[in-house]
């Protein structure tokens, strides 16, 4: 009994999943999930910062927010997403957090 194999030209054109394609998809899926978790941390940290308009706990909330935003931006840049202005506007990152990052 002989086995039949689809011609390689058709395999590529039809998008038949190869091991590499499956791995690439899973990596992209994990990157997206990880970026989503980092975005949620930014949202939570900025909400906590808004809850401390001044006084006790403000410094810690500011440090936590700056760390979360910095980690999120670094992760995005590692994925090739470099539009910081969009993130600042979308999440409403306050100037004092950006100052901690060295942003202008």
Protein backbone atom coordinates (compact mmCIF):
# COMPACT_ATOMS: atom_id res chain seq x y z
CA UNK A 1 0.00 0.00 0.00
CA UNK A 2 1.43 3.38 -0.91
CA UNK A 3 0.74 6.61 0.89
CA UNK A 4 -0.46 9.68 -0.88
CA UNK A 5 0.94 13.07 -0.04
CA UNK A 6 -0.48 16.44 -1.02
CA UNK A 7 1.89 18.37 -3.27
CA UNK A 8 3.98 20.83 -1.26
CA UNK A 9 2.87 23.76 -3.40
CA UNK A 10 -0.75 23.06 -2.41
CA UNK A 11 0.14 22.52 1.22
CA UNK A 12 1.63 26.01 1.46
CA UNK A 13 -1.19 27.65 -0.46
CA UNK A 14 -3.96 25.96 1.51
CA UNK A 15 -2.39 26.91 4.83
CA UNK A 16 -2.06 23.38 6.13
CA UNK A 17 -0.67 23.65 9.63
CA UNK A 18 2.91 22.67 10.06
CA UNK A 19 4.62 22.17 13.38
CA UNK A 20 6.27 25.56 12.99
CA UNK A 21 2.96 27.29 12.23
CA UNK A 22 1.31 25.70 15.26
CA UNK A 23 4.19 26.74 17.51
CA UNK A 24 4.16 30.29 16.11
CA UNK A 25 0.40 30.52 16.74
CA UNK A 26 0.77 29.28 20.32
CA UNK A 27 3.57 31.76 20.98
CA UNK A 28 1.48 34.63 19.63
CA UNK A 29 -1.45 33.47 21.72
CA UNK A 30 0.70 33.47 24.88
CA UNK A 31 2.13 36.90 24.04
CA UNK A 32 -1.37 38.30 23.69
CA UNK A 33 -2.51 36.75 26.97
CA UNK A 34 0.58 38.03 28.77
CA UNK A 35 0.10 41.51 27.34
CA UNK A 36 -3.53 41.43 28.45
CA UNK A 37 -2.49 40.53 32.01
CA UNK A 38 0.04 43.36 32.02
CA UNK A 39 -2.63 45.77 30.80
CA UNK A 40 -4.93 44.71 33.64
CA UNK A 41 -2.08 45.38 36.12
CA UNK A 42 -1.70 48.88 34.65
CA UNK A 43 -5.43 49.51 35.01
CA UNK A 44 -5.44 48.29 38.64
CA UNK A 45 -2.33 50.26 39.57
CA UNK A 46 -3.67 53.48 38.03
CA UNK A 47 -7.03 52.98 39.79
CA UNK A 48 -5.19 52.53 43.11
CA UNK A 49 -3.21 55.69 42.41
CA UNK A 50 -6.44 57.63 41.81
CA UNK A 51 -7.72 56.40 45.18
CA UNK A 52 -4.72 58.07 46.88
CA UNK A 53 -4.96 61.72 45.83
CA UNK A 54 -2.43 62.70 48.49
CA UNK A 55 -1.01 61.82 51.83
CA UNK A 56 -0.29 58.38 53.19
CA UNK A 57 0.10 55.59 50.66
CA UNK A 58 0.47 57.93 47.67
CA UNK A 59 4.21 57.25 47.25
CA UNK A 60 3.74 53.49 47.20
CA UNK A 61 0.79 53.73 44.81
CA UNK A 62 2.87 55.96 42.52
CA UNK A 63 5.79 53.52 42.56
CA UNK A 64 3.49 50.57 41.81
CA UNK A 65 1.82 52.43 38.95
CA UNK A 66 5.16 53.47 37.44
CA UNK A 67 6.45 49.88 37.67
CA UNK A 68 3.30 48.48 36.03
CA UNK A 69 3.36 51.04 33.19
CA UNK A 70 7.10 50.56 32.61
CA UNK A 71 6.74 46.75 32.48
CA UNK A 72 3.80 47.04 30.09
CA UNK A 73 5.65 49.41 27.77
CA UNK A 74 8.77 47.23 27.73
CA UNK A 75 6.70 44.14 26.95
CA UNK A 76 4.90 45.96 24.11
CA UNK A 77 8.19 47.19 22.67
CA UNK A 78 9.63 43.67 22.78
CA UNK A 79 6.66 42.61 20.65
CA UNK A 80 7.31 45.41 18.16
CA UNK A 81 4.51 47.70 19.39
CA UNK A 82 6.17 51.07 19.93
CA UNK A 83 3.33 53.61 20.10
CA UNK A 84 3.70 54.92 23.66
CA UNK A 85 1.46 57.94 23.04
CA UNK A 86 -1.50 55.64 22.38
CA UNK A 87 -0.97 53.79 25.67
CA UNK A 88 -0.59 57.02 27.64
CA UNK A 89 -3.83 58.34 26.17
CA UNK A 90 -5.75 55.06 26.34
CA UNK A 91 -4.95 54.36 29.99
CA UNK A 92 -4.85 58.00 31.05
CA UNK A 93 -1.36 57.68 32.51
CA UNK A 94 -0.76 60.75 34.70
CA UNK A 95 2.25 63.00 34.11
CA UNK A 96 3.74 62.13 37.51
CA UNK A 97 3.87 58.45 36.51
CA UNK A 98 5.51 59.37 33.20
CA UNK A 99 8.04 61.51 35.07
CA UNK A 100 9.01 58.43 37.08
CA UNK A 101 9.63 56.65 33.78
CA UNK A 102 11.67 59.51 32.41
CA UNK A 103 8.97 60.28 29.84
CA UNK A 104 8.50 63.72 28.35
